[in-house]
PDB file of N, CA and C in Angstrom:
ATOM      1  N   UNK A   1       9.874 -21.718  41.840  1.00  0.00           N
ATOM      2  CA  UNK A   1       8.757 -22.364  41.242  1.00  0.00           C
ATOM      3  C   UNK A   1       8.786 -22.075  39.732  1.00  0.00           C
ATOM      4  N   UNK A   2       8.716 -23.066  38.926  1.00  0.00           N
ATOM      5  CA  UNK A   2       8.738 -22.949  37.470  1.00  0.00           C
ATOM      6  C   UNK A   2       7.406 -23.372  36.896  1.00  0.00           C
ATOM      7  N   UNK A   3       6.979 -22.628  35.888  1.00  0.00           N
ATOM      8  CA  UNK A   3       5.767 -22.987  35.178  1.00  0.00           C
ATOM      9  C   UNK A   3       6.158 -23.356  33.755  1.00  0.00           C
ATOM     10  N   UNK A   4       5.562 -24.409  33.274  1.00  0.00           N
ATOM     11  CA  UNK A   4       5.864 -24.848  31.918  1.00  0.00           C
ATOM     12  C   UNK A   4       4.708 -24.506  31.002  1.00  0.00           C
ATOM     13  N   UNK A   5       5.064 -24.115  29.801  1.00  0.00           N
ATOM     14  CA  UNK A   5       4.070 -23.742  28.816  1.00  0.00           C
ATOM     15  C   UNK A   5       3.477 -25.007  28.201  1.00  0.00           C
ATOM     16  N   UNK A   6       2.177 -24.998  27.986  1.00  0.00           N
ATOM     17  CA  UNK A   6       1.583 -26.140  27.302  1.00  0.00           C
ATOM     18  C   UNK A   6       1.930 -26.060  25.822  1.00  0.00           C
ATOM     19  N   UNK A   7       1.781 -27.145  25.117  1.00  0.00           N
ATOM     20  CA  UNK A   7       2.206 -27.250  23.717  1.00  0.00           C
ATOM     21  C   UNK A   7       1.442 -26.280  22.815  1.00  0.00           C
ATOM     22  N   UNK A   8       0.159 -26.113  23.049  1.00  0.00           N
ATOM     23  CA  UNK A   8      -0.658 -25.214  22.216  1.00  0.00           C
ATOM     24  C   UNK A   8      -0.179 -23.759  22.360  1.00  0.00           C
ATOM     25  N   UNK A   9       0.057 -23.337  23.586  1.00  0.00           N
ATOM     26  CA  UNK A   9       0.542 -21.975  23.826  1.00  0.00           C
ATOM     27  C   UNK A   9       1.915 -21.781  23.205  1.00  0.00           C
ATOM     28  N   UNK A  10       2.755 -22.782  23.287  1.00  0.00           N
ATOM     29  CA  UNK A  10       4.088 -22.708  22.705  1.00  0.00           C
ATOM     30  C   UNK A  10       4.017 -22.543  21.187  1.00  0.00           C
ATOM     31  N   UNK A  11       3.094 -23.273  20.540  1.00  0.00           N
ATOM     32  CA  UNK A  11       2.920 -23.149  19.088  1.00  0.00           C
ATOM     33  C   UNK A  11       2.404 -21.765  18.713  1.00  0.00           C
ATOM     34  N   UNK A  12       1.460 -21.247  19.478  1.00  0.00           N
ATOM     35  CA  UNK A  12       0.925 -19.908  19.213  1.00  0.00           C
ATOM     36  C   UNK A  12       2.033 -18.872  19.349  1.00  0.00           C
ATOM     37  N   UNK A  13       2.799 -18.959  20.410  1.00  0.00           N
ATOM     38  CA  UNK A  13       3.895 -18.023  20.630  1.00  0.00           C
ATOM     39  C   UNK A  13       4.933 -18.116  19.513  1.00  0.00           C
ATOM     40  N   UNK A  14       5.251 -19.331  19.083  1.00  0.00           N
ATOM     41  CA  UNK A  14       6.208 -19.516  17.994  1.00  0.00           C
ATOM     42  C   UNK A  14       5.687 -18.860  16.715  1.00  0.00           C
ATOM     43  N   UNK A  15       4.392 -18.996  16.447  1.00  0.00           N
ATOM     44  CA  UNK A  15       3.795 -18.369  15.270  1.00  0.00           C
ATOM     45  C   UNK A  15       3.851 -16.857  15.336  1.00  0.00           C
ATOM     46  N   UNK A  16       3.576 -16.313  16.499  1.00  0.00           N
ATOM     47  CA  UNK A  16       3.638 -14.860  16.681  1.00  0.00           C
ATOM     48  C   UNK A  16       5.063 -14.364  16.458  1.00  0.00           C
ATOM     49  N   UNK A  17       6.027 -15.037  17.035  1.00  0.00           N
ATOM     50  CA  UNK A  17       7.430 -14.636  16.875  1.00  0.00           C
ATOM     51  C   UNK A  17       7.878 -14.754  15.419  1.00  0.00           C
ATOM     52  N   UNK A  18       7.415 -15.771  14.739  1.00  0.00           N
ATOM     53  CA  UNK A  18       7.758 -15.941  13.332  1.00  0.00           C
ATOM     54  C   UNK A  18       7.202 -14.782  12.502  1.00  0.00           C
ATOM     55  N   UNK A  19       5.962 -14.377  12.784  1.00  0.00           N
ATOM     56  CA  UNK A  19       5.363 -13.237  12.076  1.00  0.00           C
ATOM     57  C   UNK A  19       6.107 -11.941  12.371  1.00  0.00           C
ATOM     58  N   UNK A  20       6.514 -11.744  13.607  1.00  0.00           N
ATOM     59  CA  UNK A  20       7.269 -10.546  13.978  1.00  0.00           C
ATOM     60  C   UNK A  20       8.583 -10.489  13.201  1.00  0.00           C
ATOM     61  N   UNK A  21       9.269 -11.609  13.122  1.00  0.00           N
ATOM     62  CA  UNK A  21      10.551 -11.671  12.416  1.00  0.00           C
ATOM     63  C   UNK A  21      10.350 -11.380  10.931  1.00  0.00           C
ATOM     64  N   UNK A  22       9.313 -11.958  10.318  1.00  0.00           N
ATOM     65  CA  UNK A  22       9.038 -11.718   8.895  1.00  0.00           C
ATOM     66  C   UNK A  22       8.739 -10.248   8.648  1.00  0.00           C
ATOM     67  N   UNK A  23       7.914  -9.647   9.504  1.00  0.00           N
ATOM     68  CA  UNK A  23       7.575  -8.231   9.335  1.00  0.00           C
ATOM     69  C   UNK A  23       8.802  -7.349   9.518  1.00  0.00           C
ATOM     70  N   UNK A  24       9.650  -7.687  10.478  1.00  0.00           N
ATOM     71  CA  UNK A  24      10.863  -6.912  10.708  1.00  0.00           C
ATOM     72  C   UNK A  24      11.776  -6.986   9.489  1.00  0.00           C
ATOM     73  N   UNK A  25      11.958  -8.175   8.938  1.00  0.00           N
ATOM     74  CA  UNK A  25      12.821  -8.327   7.767  1.00  0.00           C
ATOM     75  C   UNK A  25      12.265  -7.549   6.575  1.00  0.00           C
ATOM     76  N   UNK A  26      10.939  -7.564   6.402  1.00  0.00           N
ATOM     77  CA  UNK A  26      10.305  -6.806   5.325  1.00  0.00           C
ATOM     78  C   UNK A  26      10.528  -5.312   5.533  1.00  0.00           C
ATOM     79  N   UNK A  27      10.324  -4.847   6.748  1.00  0.00           N
ATOM     80  CA  UNK A  27      10.521  -3.432   7.076  1.00  0.00           C
ATOM     81  C   UNK A  27      11.973  -3.026   6.847  1.00  0.00           C
ATOM     82  N   UNK A  28      12.885  -3.877   7.226  1.00  0.00           N
ATOM     83  CA  UNK A  28      14.308  -3.594   7.043  1.00  0.00           C
ATOM     84  C   UNK A  28      14.633  -3.451   5.558  1.00  0.00           C
ATOM     85  N   UNK A  29      14.035  -4.294   4.724  1.00  0.00           N
ATOM     86  CA  UNK A  29      14.234  -4.218   3.286  1.00  0.00           C
ATOM     87  C   UNK A  29      13.689  -2.903   2.740  1.00  0.00           C
ATOM     88  N   UNK A  30      12.488  -2.511   3.183  1.00  0.00           N
ATOM     89  CA  UNK A  30      11.900  -1.252   2.748  1.00  0.00           C
ATOM     90  C   UNK A  30      12.755  -0.063   3.191  1.00  0.00           C
ATOM     91  N   UNK A  31      13.309  -0.135   4.380  1.00  0.00           N
ATOM     92  CA  UNK A  31      14.157   0.948   4.875  1.00  0.00           C
ATOM     93  C   UNK A  31      15.404   1.079   4.011  1.00  0.00           C
ATOM     94  N   UNK A  32      15.957  -0.046   3.585  1.00  0.00           N
ATOM     95  CA  UNK A  32      17.121  -0.012   2.704  1.00  0.00           C
ATOM     96  C   UNK A  32      16.805   0.672   1.387  1.00  0.00           C
ATOM     97  N   UNK A  33      15.638   0.353   0.820  1.00  0.00           N
ATOM     98  CA  UNK A  33      15.211   1.012  -0.424  1.00  0.00           C
ATOM     99  C   UNK A  33      15.009   2.502  -0.200  1.00  0.00           C
ATOM    100  N   UNK A  34      14.394   2.861   0.902  1.00  0.00           N
ATOM    101  CA  UNK A  34      14.159   4.264   1.219  1.00  0.00           C
ATOM    102  C   UNK A  34      15.480   5.022   1.353  1.00  0.00           C
ATOM    103  N   UNK A  35      16.450   4.426   2.039  1.00  0.00           N
ATOM    104  CA  UNK A  35      17.752   5.068   2.198  1.00  0.00           C
ATOM    105  C   UNK A  35      18.417   5.291   0.839  1.00  0.00           C
ATOM    106  N   UNK A  36      18.316   4.306  -0.056  1.00  0.00           N
ATOM    107  CA  UNK A  36      18.896   4.460  -1.395  1.00  0.00           C
ATOM    108  C   UNK A  36      18.188   5.554  -2.180  1.00  0.00           C
ATOM    109  N   UNK A  37      16.859   5.617  -2.066  1.00  0.00           N
ATOM    110  CA  UNK A  37      16.105   6.674  -2.744  1.00  0.00           C
ATOM    111  C   UNK A  37      16.513   8.052  -2.230  1.00  0.00           C
ATOM    112  N   UNK A  38      16.693   8.180  -0.924  1.00  0.00           N
ATOM    113  CA  UNK A  38      17.096   9.465  -0.344  1.00  0.00           C
ATOM    114  C   UNK A  38      18.477   9.864  -0.851  1.00  0.00           C
ATOM    115  N   UNK A  39      19.409   8.919  -0.926  1.00  0.00           N
ATOM    116  CA  UNK A  39      20.747   9.220  -1.447  1.00  0.00           C
ATOM    117  C   UNK A  39      20.669   9.703  -2.894  1.00  0.00           C
ATOM    118  N   UNK A  40      19.833   9.037  -3.691  1.00  0.00           N
ATOM    119  CA  UNK A  40      19.684   9.417  -5.092  1.00  0.00           C
ATOM    120  C   UNK A  40      19.082  10.808  -5.215  1.00  0.00           C
ATOM    121  N   UNK A  41      18.048  11.089  -4.432  1.00  0.00           N
ATOM    122  CA  UNK A  41      17.412  12.414  -4.468  1.00  0.00           C
ATOM    123  C   UNK A  41      18.405  13.492  -4.064  1.00  0.00           C
ATOM    124  N   UNK A  42      19.186  13.242  -3.023  1.00  0.00           N
ATOM    125  CA  UNK A  42      20.192  14.233  -2.597  1.00  0.00           C
ATOM    126  C   UNK A  42      21.190  14.519  -3.711  1.00  0.00           C
ATOM    127  N   UNK A  43      21.634  13.448  -4.385  1.00  0.00           N
ATOM    128  CA  UNK A  43      22.595  13.599  -5.478  1.00  0.00           C
ATOM    129  C   UNK A  43      21.982  14.430  -6.599  1.00  0.00           C
ATOM    130  N   UNK A  44      20.718  14.124  -6.951  1.00  0.00           N
ATOM    131  CA  UNK A  44      20.057  14.861  -8.022  1.00  0.00           C
ATOM    132  C   UNK A  44      19.818  16.317  -7.634  1.00  0.00           C
ATOM    133  N   UNK A  45      19.494  16.567  -6.364  1.00  0.00           N
ATOM    134  CA  UNK A  45      19.311  17.942  -5.905  1.00  0.00           C
ATOM    135  C   UNK A  45      20.624  18.716  -5.997  1.00  0.00           C
ATOM    136  N   UNK A  46      21.722  18.059  -5.635  1.00  0.00           N
ATOM    137  CA  UNK A  46      23.030  18.708  -5.712  1.00  0.00           C
ATOM    138  C   UNK A  46      23.376  19.037  -7.162  1.00  0.00           C
ATOM    139  N   UNK A  47      23.102  18.085  -8.060  1.00  0.00           N
ATOM    140  CA  UNK A  47      23.375  18.318  -9.474  1.00  0.00           C
ATOM    141  C   UNK A  47      22.526  19.474 -10.010  1.00  0.00           C
ATOM    142  N   UNK A  48      21.264  19.544  -9.582  1.00  0.00           N
ATOM    143  CA  UNK A  48      20.391  20.639 -10.012  1.00  0.00           C
ATOM    144  C   UNK A  48      20.905  21.971  -9.480  1.00  0.00           C
ATOM    145  N   UNK A  49      21.370  21.989  -8.242  1.00  0.00           N
ATOM    146  CA  UNK A  49      21.891  23.220  -7.657  1.00  0.00           C
ATOM    147  C   UNK A  49      23.129  23.688  -8.413  1.00  0.00           C
ATOM    148  N   UNK A  50      23.981  22.767  -8.792  1.00  0.00           N
ATOM    149  CA  UNK A  50      25.182  23.119  -9.561  1.00  0.00           C
ATOM    150  C   UNK A  50      24.775  23.683 -10.919  1.00  0.00           C
ATOM    151  N   UNK A  51      23.792  23.051 -11.533  1.00  0.00           N
ATOM    152  CA  UNK A  51      23.307  23.518 -12.828  1.00  0.00           C
ATOM    153  C   UNK A  51      22.774  24.941 -12.717  1.00  0.00           C
ATOM    154  N   UNK A  52      21.987  25.213 -11.708  1.00  0.00           N
ATOM    155  CA  UNK A  52      21.429  26.554 -11.521  1.00  0.00           C
ATOM    156  C   UNK A  52      22.501  27.571 -11.136  1.00  0.00           C
ATOM    157  N   UNK A  53      23.481  27.109 -10.392  1.00  0.00           N
ATOM    158  CA  UNK A  53      24.560  28.003  -9.977  1.00  0.00           C
ATOM    159  C   UNK A  53      25.335  28.518 -11.190  1.00  0.00           C
ATOM    160  N   UNK A  54      25.452  27.681 -12.209  1.00  0.00           N
ATOM    161  CA  UNK A  54      26.196  28.068 -13.407  1.00  0.00           C
ATOM    162  C   UNK A  54      25.573  29.276 -14.093  1.00  0.00           C
ATOM    163  N   UNK A  55      24.275  29.476 -13.907  1.00  0.00           N
ATOM    164  CA  UNK A  55      23.539  30.632 -14.422  1.00  0.00           C
ATOM    165  C   UNK A  55      23.713  30.835 -15.919  1.00  0.00           C
ATOM    166  N   UNK A  56      23.799  29.779 -16.620  1.00  0.00           N
ATOM    167  CA  UNK A  56      23.813  29.906 -18.072  1.00  0.00           C
ATOM    168  C   UNK A  56      22.367  30.044 -18.515  1.00  0.00           C
ATOM    169  N   UNK A  57      22.093  31.080 -19.253  1.00  0.00           N
ATOM    170  CA  UNK A  57      20.699  31.440 -19.539  1.00  0.00           C
ATOM    171  C   UNK A  57      19.925  30.303 -20.201  1.00  0.00           C
ATOM    172  N   UNK A  58      20.529  29.562 -21.124  1.00  0.00           N
ATOM    173  CA  UNK A  58      19.770  28.499 -21.778  1.00  0.00           C
ATOM    174  C   UNK A  58      19.399  27.412 -20.792  1.00  0.00           C
ATOM    175  N   UNK A  59      20.254  27.167 -19.801  1.00  0.00           N
ATOM    176  CA  UNK A  59      19.943  26.159 -18.785  1.00  0.00           C
ATOM    177  C   UNK A  59      18.788  26.623 -17.908  1.00  0.00           C
ATOM    178  N   UNK A  60      18.820  27.874 -17.514  1.00  0.00           N
ATOM    179  CA  UNK A  60      17.739  28.407 -16.688  1.00  0.00           C
ATOM    180  C   UNK A  60      16.412  28.372 -17.439  1.00  0.00           C
ATOM    181  N   UNK A  61      16.456  28.674 -18.733  1.00  0.00           N
ATOM    182  CA  UNK A  61      15.240  28.629 -19.543  1.00  0.00           C
ATOM    183  C   UNK A  61      14.689  27.206 -19.631  1.00  0.00           C
ATOM    184  N   UNK A  62      15.579  26.235 -19.775  1.00  0.00           N
ATOM    185  CA  UNK A  62      15.147  24.830 -19.836  1.00  0.00           C
ATOM    186  C   UNK A  62      14.517  24.395 -18.514  1.00  0.00           C
ATOM    187  N   UNK A  63      15.133  24.774 -17.411  1.00  0.00           N
ATOM    188  CA  UNK A  63      14.588  24.427 -16.100  1.00  0.00           C
ATOM    189  C   UNK A  63      13.228  25.091 -15.908  1.00  0.00           C
ATOM    190  N   UNK A  64      13.121  26.362 -16.283  1.00  0.00           N
ATOM    191  CA  UNK A  64      11.850  27.074 -16.152  1.00  0.00           C
ATOM    192  C   UNK A  64      10.771  26.407 -16.990  1.00  0.00           C
ATOM    193  N   UNK A  65      11.113  25.998 -18.209  1.00  0.00           N
ATOM    194  CA  UNK A  65      10.155  25.334 -19.083  1.00  0.00           C
ATOM    195  C   UNK A  65       9.666  24.021 -18.450  1.00  0.00           C
ATOM    196  N   UNK A  66      10.578  23.258 -17.888  1.00  0.00           N
ATOM    197  CA  UNK A  66      10.210  21.992 -17.239  1.00  0.00           C
ATOM    198  C   UNK A  66       9.317  22.228 -16.024  1.00  0.00           C
ATOM    199  N   UNK A  67       9.684  23.204 -15.201  1.00  0.00           N
ATOM    200  CA  UNK A  67       8.899  23.516 -13.999  1.00  0.00           C
ATOM    201  C   UNK A  67       7.510  24.004 -14.386  1.00  0.00           C
ATOM    202  N   UNK A  68       7.430  24.904 -15.386  1.00  0.00           N
ATOM    203  CA  UNK A  68       6.137  25.403 -15.835  1.00  0.00           C
ATOM    204  C   UNK A  68       5.263  24.269 -16.374  1.00  0.00           C
ATOM    205  N   UNK A  69       5.864  23.354 -17.124  1.00  0.00           N
ATOM    206  CA  UNK A  69       5.122  22.202 -17.643  1.00  0.00           C
ATOM    207  C   UNK A  69       4.613  21.311 -16.530  1.00  0.00           C
ATOM    208  N   UNK A  70       5.432  21.107 -15.516  1.00  0.00           N
ATOM    209  CA  UNK A  70       5.041  20.284 -14.368  1.00  0.00           C
ATOM    210  C   UNK A  70       3.874  20.925 -13.628  1.00  0.00           C
ATOM    211  N   UNK A  71       3.968  22.243 -13.408  1.00  0.00           N
ATOM    212  CA  UNK A  71       2.894  22.961 -12.709  1.00  0.00           C
ATOM    213  C   UNK A  71       1.602  22.878 -13.521  1.00  0.00           C
ATOM    214  N   UNK A  72       1.691  23.026 -14.832  1.00  0.00           N
ATOM    215  CA  UNK A  72       0.504  22.939 -15.678  1.00  0.00           C
ATOM    216  C   UNK A  72      -0.147  21.559 -15.578  1.00  0.00           C
ATOM    217  N   UNK A  73       0.667  20.503 -15.564  1.00  0.00           N
ATOM    218  CA  UNK A  73       0.119  19.133 -15.433  1.00  0.00           C
ATOM    219  C   UNK A  73      -0.550  18.936 -14.096  1.00  0.00           C
ATOM    220  N   UNK A  74       0.027  19.492 -13.027  1.00  0.00           N
ATOM    221  CA  UNK A  74      -0.554  19.363 -11.691  1.00  0.00           C
ATOM    222  C   UNK A  74      -1.895  20.095 -11.626  1.00  0.00           C
ATOM    223  N   UNK A  75      -1.927  21.294 -12.202  1.00  0.00           N
ATOM    224  CA  UNK A  75      -3.153  22.098 -12.153  1.00  0.00           C
ATOM    225  C   UNK A  75      -4.287  21.451 -12.938  1.00  0.00           C
ATOM    226  N   UNK A  76      -3.972  20.705 -13.979  1.00  0.00           N
ATOM    227  CA  UNK A  76      -5.000  20.011 -14.762  1.00  0.00           C
ATOM    228  C   UNK A  76      -5.668  18.910 -13.946  1.00  0.00           C
ATOM    229  N   UNK A  77      -4.909  18.257 -13.048  1.00  0.00           N
ATOM    230  CA  UNK A  77      -5.454  17.144 -12.263  1.00  0.00           C
ATOM    231  C   UNK A  77      -6.279  17.610 -11.068  1.00  0.00           C
ATOM    232  N   UNK A  78      -6.159  18.876 -10.679  1.00  0.00           N
ATOM    233  CA  UNK A  78      -6.911  19.386  -9.520  1.00  0.00           C
ATOM    234  C   UNK A  78      -8.342  19.604  -9.821  1.00  0.00           C
TER     235      UNK A  78
END
């Protein structure tokens, strides 16, 4: 026994499926951006670790100055 969908239900279902596809494509695009951001952050973290590993005093002082400045800016907004 087969049941056939009426035209109105078919249009509603088509609209729902179209919205699902659009949302999926948007989400997929956002995921691609997120993956690229994560790769960039990992690269920058590795570069920072190498910089700190070198233990050159002027570099450590520069990093400390930047971190202290960042903390001061955060504390002002609280």
